[in-house]
Amino acid sequence: MKKLFLIIGAPGSGKTTDAQIIAEHNSETIAHYSTGDLLRAEIASKSELGKTIEGYTSKGNLVPLNIVINTIVNAIKNSNKNIILIDGFPRSVEQMRELDKILQQENNIKLTSVIEVEVSEKVARDRVLGRGRGDDDNEEVFNNRIKVFTDPLKEIQDFYNKKNLLKKINGERTIEEIVSEMEKYIKGLAGL
């Protein structure tokens, strides 16, 4: 049975970095996938699907549900690790519901927890606009991305709270403190 941990947070919350470090510390047992990385890899491949995805991401918009869900479920199934961290998902109520529906049909994947890395909008803005990574690092695209994150957040939190799956972690500390708390929590739930 694969144990799935979803890691959500605002753009610039550090969720991808946190998950990468935890997977590196535990490379025998934990795999990490960023939906952003999975989608960027498709864009970089210059495939037709990649061009379609780029049409959405270059404007800061969400990639269609079926493309994202299939990309994620394939990554989980093809992983040789039993503990899977996926960051940046779900980003919408539709993604959350669709993933929930698919996981109910899967016998070998169990959603173990949803971890929210909490940061203020100011911290998120300062981090994203300060990293200069490319197309998504301007004020207008950031404003769109933060809205895309915050609009469905309450409903996503409520949904996972009802299932006793939501864990909030303060993302405004040092990377070491955040990673330490998250890693202990994941390993505890995963029985490591």
C-alpha atoms as a PDB file:
ATOM      1  CA  MET A   1       0.000   0.000   0.000  1.00  0.00           C
ATOM      2  CA  LYS A   2       1.485   3.341  -1.055  1.00  0.00           C
ATOM      3  CA  LYS A   3       1.079   6.173   1.446  1.00  0.00           C
ATOM      4  CA  LEU A   4       0.362   9.509  -0.209  1.00  0.00           C
ATOM      5  CA  PHE A   5       1.072  12.874   1.406  1.00  0.00           C
ATOM      6  CA  LEU A   6      -0.165  16.022  -0.332  1.00  0.00           C
ATOM      7  CA  ILE A   7       1.700  19.233   0.501  1.00  0.00           C
ATOM      8  CA  ILE A   8      -0.133  22.466  -0.205  1.00  0.00           C
ATOM      9  CA  GLY A   9       0.768  26.109   0.309  1.00  0.00           C
ATOM     10  CA  ALA A  10       0.843  29.485  -1.361  1.00  0.00           C
ATOM     11  CA  PRO A  11       3.307  30.192  -4.165  1.00  0.00           C
ATOM     12  CA  GLY A  12       6.592  30.854  -2.352  1.00  0.00           C
ATOM     13  CA  SER A  13       5.590  28.926   0.801  1.00  0.00           C
ATOM     14  CA  GLY A  14       8.608  26.626   0.358  1.00  0.00           C
ATOM     15  CA  LYS A  15       6.524  23.468  -0.036  1.00  0.00           C
ATOM     16  CA  THR A  16       8.562  22.127  -2.968  1.00  0.00           C
ATOM     17  CA  THR A  17      11.918  22.740  -1.269  1.00  0.00           C
ATOM     18  CA  ASP A  18      10.686  21.150   1.993  1.00  0.00           C
ATOM     19  CA  ALA A  19       9.446  18.031   0.188  1.00  0.00           C
ATOM     20  CA  GLN A  20      12.647  17.740  -1.882  1.00  0.00           C
ATOM     21  CA  ILE A  21      14.841  17.838   1.217  1.00  0.00           C
ATOM     22  CA  ILE A  22      12.729  15.206   3.013  1.00  0.00           C
ATOM     23  CA  ALA A  23      12.863  12.908  -0.042  1.00  0.00           C
ATOM     24  CA  GLU A  24      16.650  13.383  -0.265  1.00  0.00           C
ATOM     25  CA  HIS A  25      17.077  12.529   3.445  1.00  0.00           C
ATOM     26  CA  ASN A  26      14.991   9.374   2.926  1.00  0.00           C
ATOM     27  CA  SER A  27      15.815   8.381  -0.646  1.00  0.00           C
ATOM     28  CA  GLU A  28      15.306   4.653   0.066  1.00  0.00           C
ATOM     29  CA  THR A  29      11.695   5.074   1.180  1.00  0.00           C
ATOM     30  CA  ILE A  30      10.250   8.441   0.095  1.00  0.00           C
ATOM     31  CA  ALA A  31       9.616   9.800  -3.416  1.00  0.00           C
ATOM     32  CA  HIS A  32       8.745  13.431  -4.110  1.00  0.00           C
ATOM     33  CA  TYR A  33       6.852  14.797  -7.075  1.00  0.00           C
ATOM     34  CA  SER A  34       5.957  18.407  -7.642  1.00  0.00           C
ATOM     35  CA  THR A  35       2.979  18.848  -9.929  1.00  0.00           C
ATOM     36  CA  GLY A  36       4.818  21.877 -11.247  1.00  0.00           C
ATOM     37  CA  ASP A  37       7.928  19.778 -12.036  1.00  0.00           C
ATOM     38  CA  LEU A  38       5.862  17.025 -13.659  1.00  0.00           C
ATOM     39  CA  LEU A  39       4.111  19.606 -15.849  1.00  0.00           C
ATOM     40  CA  ARG A  40       7.340  21.554 -16.580  1.00  0.00           C
ATOM     41  CA  ALA A  41       9.036  18.313 -17.679  1.00  0.00           C
ATOM     42  CA  GLU A  42       6.194  17.802 -20.161  1.00  0.00           C
ATOM     43  CA  ILE A  43       6.583  21.402 -21.430  1.00  0.00           C
ATOM     44  CA  ALA A  44      10.365  20.932 -21.784  1.00  0.00           C
ATOM     45  CA  SER A  45       9.798  17.792 -23.865  1.00  0.00           C
ATOM     46  CA  LYS A  46       8.136  20.075 -26.491  1.00  0.00           C
ATOM     47  CA  SER A  47       5.380  17.474 -26.936  1.00  0.00           C
ATOM     48  CA  GLU A  48       1.902  18.504 -28.096  1.00  0.00           C
ATOM     49  CA  LEU A  49       0.711  17.968 -24.518  1.00  0.00           C
ATOM     50  CA  GLY A  50       3.586  20.151 -23.291  1.00  0.00           C
ATOM     51  CA  LYS A  51       2.556  22.968 -25.660  1.00  0.00           C
ATOM     52  CA  THR A  52      -1.018  22.711 -24.405  1.00  0.00           C
ATOM     53  CA  ILE A  53       0.146  22.858 -20.765  1.00  0.00           C
ATOM     54  CA  GLU A  54       2.383  25.868 -21.510  1.00  0.00           C
ATOM     55  CA  GLY A  55      -0.603  27.735 -22.937  1.00  0.00           C
ATOM     56  CA  TYR A  56      -2.121  27.645 -19.434  1.00  0.00           C
ATOM     57  CA  THR A  57       0.936  28.010 -17.178  1.00  0.00           C
ATOM     58  CA  SER A  58       2.452  30.977 -19.030  1.00  0.00           C
ATOM     59  CA  LYS A  59      -0.602  33.002 -17.988  1.00  0.00           C
ATOM     60  CA  GLY A  60      -0.637  31.657 -14.406  1.00  0.00           C
ATOM     61  CA  ASN A  61      -3.817  29.651 -15.073  1.00  0.00           C
ATOM     62  CA  LEU A  62      -4.617  26.105 -13.943  1.00  0.00           C
ATOM     63  CA  VAL A  63      -3.856  23.198 -16.258  1.00  0.00           C
ATOM     64  CA  PRO A  64      -7.028  21.167 -17.048  1.00  0.00           C
ATOM     65  CA  LEU A  65      -8.021  18.602 -14.462  1.00  0.00           C
ATOM     66  CA  ASN A  66      -7.719  15.427 -16.532  1.00  0.00           C
ATOM     67  CA  ILE A  67      -4.139  16.271 -17.593  1.00  0.00           C
ATOM     68  CA  VAL A  68      -3.000  16.954 -14.021  1.00  0.00           C
ATOM     69  CA  ILE A  69      -4.736  13.964 -12.383  1.00  0.00           C
ATOM     70  CA  ASN A  70      -3.420  11.504 -14.972  1.00  0.00           C
ATOM     71  CA  THR A  71       0.101  12.906 -14.608  1.00  0.00           C
ATOM     72  CA  ILE A  72      -0.041  12.504 -10.809  1.00  0.00           C
ATOM     73  CA  VAL A  73      -1.628   9.040 -10.639  1.00  0.00           C
ATOM     74  CA  ASN A  74       0.875   7.728 -13.228  1.00  0.00           C
ATOM     75  CA  ALA A  75       3.777   9.130 -11.183  1.00  0.00           C
ATOM     76  CA  ILE A  76       2.490   7.419  -8.004  1.00  0.00           C
ATOM     77  CA  LYS A  77       1.878   4.068  -9.712  1.00  0.00           C
ATOM     78  CA  ASN A  78       5.265   4.099 -11.453  1.00  0.00           C
ATOM     79  CA  SER A  79       7.203   4.993  -8.311  1.00  0.00           C
ATOM     80  CA  ASN A  80       9.323   2.278  -6.697  1.00  0.00           C
ATOM     81  CA  LYS A  81       8.857   3.941  -3.272  1.00  0.00           C
ATOM     82  CA  ASN A  82       5.947   3.358  -0.882  1.00  0.00           C
ATOM     83  CA  ILE A  83       5.799   6.868   0.569  1.00  0.00           C
ATOM     84  CA  ILE A  84       4.920   9.546  -1.953  1.00  0.00           C
ATOM     85  CA  LEU A  85       5.028  13.315  -1.381  1.00  0.00           C
ATOM     86  CA  ILE A  86       3.233  15.456  -3.934  1.00  0.00           C
ATOM     87  CA  ASP A  87       3.383  19.189  -3.555  1.00  0.00           C
ATOM     88  CA  GLY A  88       1.200  21.824  -5.139  1.00  0.00           C
ATOM     89  CA  PHE A  89      -1.895  19.647  -5.319  1.00  0.00           C
ATOM     90  CA  PRO A  90      -4.836  19.983  -5.083  1.00  0.00           C
ATOM     91  CA  ARG A  91      -5.124  23.576  -6.242  1.00  0.00           C
ATOM     92  CA  SER A  92      -8.866  23.605  -6.782  1.00  0.00           C
ATOM     93  CA  VAL A  93     -11.997  22.052  -5.311  1.00  0.00           C
ATOM     94  CA  GLU A  94     -12.470  20.164  -8.599  1.00  0.00           C
ATOM     95  CA  GLN A  95      -8.946  18.685  -8.375  1.00  0.00           C
ATOM     96  CA  MET A  96      -9.561  17.694  -4.751  1.00  0.00           C
ATOM     97  CA  ARG A  97     -12.868  15.970  -5.558  1.00  0.00           C
ATOM     98  CA  GLU A  98     -11.511  14.218  -8.645  1.00  0.00           C
ATOM     99  CA  LEU A  99      -8.451  12.939  -6.769  1.00  0.00           C
ATOM    100  CA  ASP A 100     -10.682  11.766  -3.909  1.00  0.00           C
ATOM    101  CA  LYS A 101     -12.883   9.888  -6.384  1.00  0.00           C
ATOM    102  CA  ILE A 102      -9.892   8.229  -8.070  1.00  0.00           C
ATOM    103  CA  LEU A 103      -8.249   7.295  -4.746  1.00  0.00           C
ATOM    104  CA  GLN A 104     -11.476   5.599  -3.600  1.00  0.00           C
ATOM    105  CA  GLN A 105     -11.112   3.250  -6.580  1.00  0.00           C
ATOM    106  CA  GLU A 106      -7.409   2.576  -5.947  1.00  0.00           C
ATOM    107  CA  ASN A 107      -6.654  -0.343  -3.626  1.00  0.00           C
ATOM    108  CA  ASN A 108      -2.935   0.329  -3.363  1.00  0.00           C
ATOM    109  CA  ILE A 109      -2.805   4.114  -2.726  1.00  0.00           C
ATOM    110  CA  LYS A 110      -3.935   5.633   0.583  1.00  0.00           C
ATOM    111  CA  LEU A 111      -4.084   9.379   1.187  1.00  0.00           C
ATOM    112  CA  THR A 112      -2.367   9.546   4.573  1.00  0.00           C
ATOM    113  CA  SER A 113      -2.290  13.312   5.158  1.00  0.00           C
ATOM    114  CA  VAL A 114      -2.557  16.764   3.597  1.00  0.00           C
ATOM    115  CA  ILE A 115       0.093  19.134   4.950  1.00  0.00           C
ATOM    116  CA  GLU A 116      -0.438  22.870   4.540  1.00  0.00           C
ATOM    117  CA  VAL A 117       2.682  25.040   4.735  1.00  0.00           C
ATOM    118  CA  GLU A 118       1.260  28.340   5.982  1.00  0.00           C
ATOM    119  CA  VAL A 119       2.797  31.716   5.089  1.00  0.00           C
ATOM    120  CA  SER A 120       1.322  35.214   4.926  1.00  0.00           C
ATOM    121  CA  GLU A 121       0.602  36.734   1.520  1.00  0.00           C
ATOM    122  CA  LYS A 122       3.369  39.292   2.143  1.00  0.00           C
ATOM    123  CA  VAL A 123       5.988  36.581   2.767  1.00  0.00           C
ATOM    124  CA  ALA A 124       4.788  34.657  -0.295  1.00  0.00           C
ATOM    125  CA  ARG A 125       4.960  37.795  -2.476  1.00  0.00           C
ATOM    126  CA  ASP A 126       8.452  38.757  -1.259  1.00  0.00           C
ATOM    127  CA  ARG A 127       9.775  35.238  -1.877  1.00  0.00           C
ATOM    128  CA  VAL A 128       8.242  34.768  -5.335  1.00  0.00           C
ATOM    129  CA  LEU A 129       9.102  38.217  -6.680  1.00  0.00           C
ATOM    130  CA  GLY A 130      12.617  37.883  -5.250  1.00  0.00           C
ATOM    131  CA  ARG A 131      13.515  34.571  -6.884  1.00  0.00           C
ATOM    132  CA  GLY A 132      13.569  35.730 -10.516  1.00  0.00           C
ATOM    133  CA  ARG A 133      12.846  32.314 -11.966  1.00  0.00           C
ATOM    134  CA  GLY A 134      11.075  33.450 -15.117  1.00  0.00           C
ATOM    135  CA  ASP A 135       7.587  34.030 -16.483  1.00  0.00           C
ATOM    136  CA  ASP A 136       5.727  33.628 -13.203  1.00  0.00           C
ATOM    137  CA  ASP A 137       7.789  36.098 -11.190  1.00  0.00           C
ATOM    138  CA  ASN A 138       6.007  39.362 -11.915  1.00  0.00           C
ATOM    139  CA  GLU A 139       3.411  41.166  -9.822  1.00  0.00           C
ATOM    140  CA  GLU A 140       0.444  40.517 -12.137  1.00  0.00           C
ATOM    141  CA  VAL A 141       1.063  36.771 -12.468  1.00  0.00           C
ATOM    142  CA  PHE A 142       1.767  36.511  -8.727  1.00  0.00           C
ATOM    143  CA  ASN A 143      -1.549  38.229  -7.923  1.00  0.00           C
ATOM    144  CA  ASN A 144      -3.358  35.755 -10.165  1.00  0.00           C
ATOM    145  CA  ARG A 145      -1.517  32.772  -8.631  1.00  0.00           C
ATOM    146  CA  ILE A 146      -2.224  33.844  -5.027  1.00  0.00           C
ATOM    147  CA  LYS A 147      -5.908  34.317  -5.877  1.00  0.00           C
ATOM    148  CA  VAL A 148      -6.001  30.881  -7.572  1.00  0.00           C
ATOM    149  CA  PHE A 149      -4.524  29.482  -4.320  1.00  0.00           C
ATOM    150  CA  THR A 150      -6.662  31.372  -1.771  1.00  0.00           C
ATOM    151  CA  ASP A 151     -10.084  31.239  -3.474  1.00  0.00           C
ATOM    152  CA  PRO A 152     -10.696  27.479  -2.939  1.00  0.00           C
ATOM    153  CA  LEU A 153      -8.490  27.162   0.185  1.00  0.00           C
ATOM    154  CA  LYS A 154     -11.222  27.246   2.842  1.00  0.00           C
ATOM    155  CA  GLU A 155     -13.252  24.548   1.087  1.00  0.00           C
ATOM    156  CA  ILE A 156     -10.137  22.381   0.631  1.00  0.00           C
ATOM    157  CA  GLN A 157      -9.205  22.829   4.310  1.00  0.00           C
ATOM    158  CA  ASP A 158     -12.750  21.961   5.443  1.00  0.00           C
ATOM    159  CA  PHE A 159     -12.875  18.867   3.219  1.00  0.00           C
ATOM    160  CA  TYR A 160      -9.621  17.415   4.567  1.00  0.00           C
ATOM    161  CA  ASN A 161     -10.357  18.534   8.141  1.00  0.00           C
ATOM    162  CA  LYS A 162     -13.580  16.490   8.094  1.00  0.00           C
ATOM    163  CA  LYS A 163     -11.499  13.466   7.089  1.00  0.00           C
ATOM    164  CA  ASN A 164      -8.957  14.226   9.865  1.00  0.00           C
ATOM    165  CA  LEU A 165      -6.225  14.514   7.257  1.00  0.00           C
ATOM    166  CA  LEU A 166      -5.197  18.202   7.431  1.00  0.00           C
ATOM    167  CA  LYS A 167      -2.001  19.198   9.233  1.00  0.00           C
ATOM    168  CA  LYS A 168      -0.840  22.827   9.260  1.00  0.00           C
ATOM    169  CA  ILE A 169       2.835  23.734   9.559  1.00  0.00           C
ATOM    170  CA  ASN A 170       4.200  27.257  10.047  1.00  0.00           C
ATOM    171  CA  GLY A 171       6.198  28.062   6.895  1.00  0.00           C
ATOM    172  CA  GLU A 172       7.693  31.299   8.221  1.00  0.00           C
ATOM    173  CA  ARG A 173      10.551  29.658  10.120  1.00  0.00           C
ATOM    174  CA  THR A 174      13.940  28.407   8.970  1.00  0.00           C
ATOM    175  CA  ILE A 175      13.961  25.650   6.368  1.00  0.00           C
ATOM    176  CA  GLU A 176      15.620  23.369   8.948  1.00  0.00           C
ATOM    177  CA  GLU A 177      12.792  23.877  11.467  1.00  0.00           C
ATOM    178  CA  ILE A 178      10.046  23.357   8.887  1.00  0.00           C
ATOM    179  CA  VAL A 179      11.684  20.279   7.343  1.00  0.00           C
ATOM    180  CA  SER A 180      12.372  18.780  10.774  1.00  0.00           C
ATOM    181  CA  GLU A 181       8.719  19.096  11.864  1.00  0.00           C
ATOM    182  CA  MET A 182       7.341  17.866   8.531  1.00  0.00           C
ATOM    183  CA  GLU A 183       9.771  14.940   8.289  1.00  0.00           C
ATOM    184  CA  LYS A 184       8.985  13.746  11.844  1.00  0.00           C
ATOM    185  CA  TYR A 185       5.268  13.972  11.120  1.00  0.00           C
ATOM    186  CA  ILE A 186       5.488  12.056   7.814  1.00  0.00           C
ATOM    187  CA  LYS A 187       7.737   9.338   9.222  1.00  0.00           C
ATOM    188  CA  GLY A 188       5.478   8.965  12.254  1.00  0.00           C
ATOM    189  CA  LEU A 189       2.384   8.426  10.110  1.00  0.00           C
ATOM    190  CA  ALA A 190       4.254   6.203   7.669  1.00  0.00           C
ATOM    191  CA  GLY A 191       5.603   3.995  10.450  1.00  0.00           C
ATOM    192  CA  LEU A 192       9.288   4.690   9.736  1.00  0.00           C
END
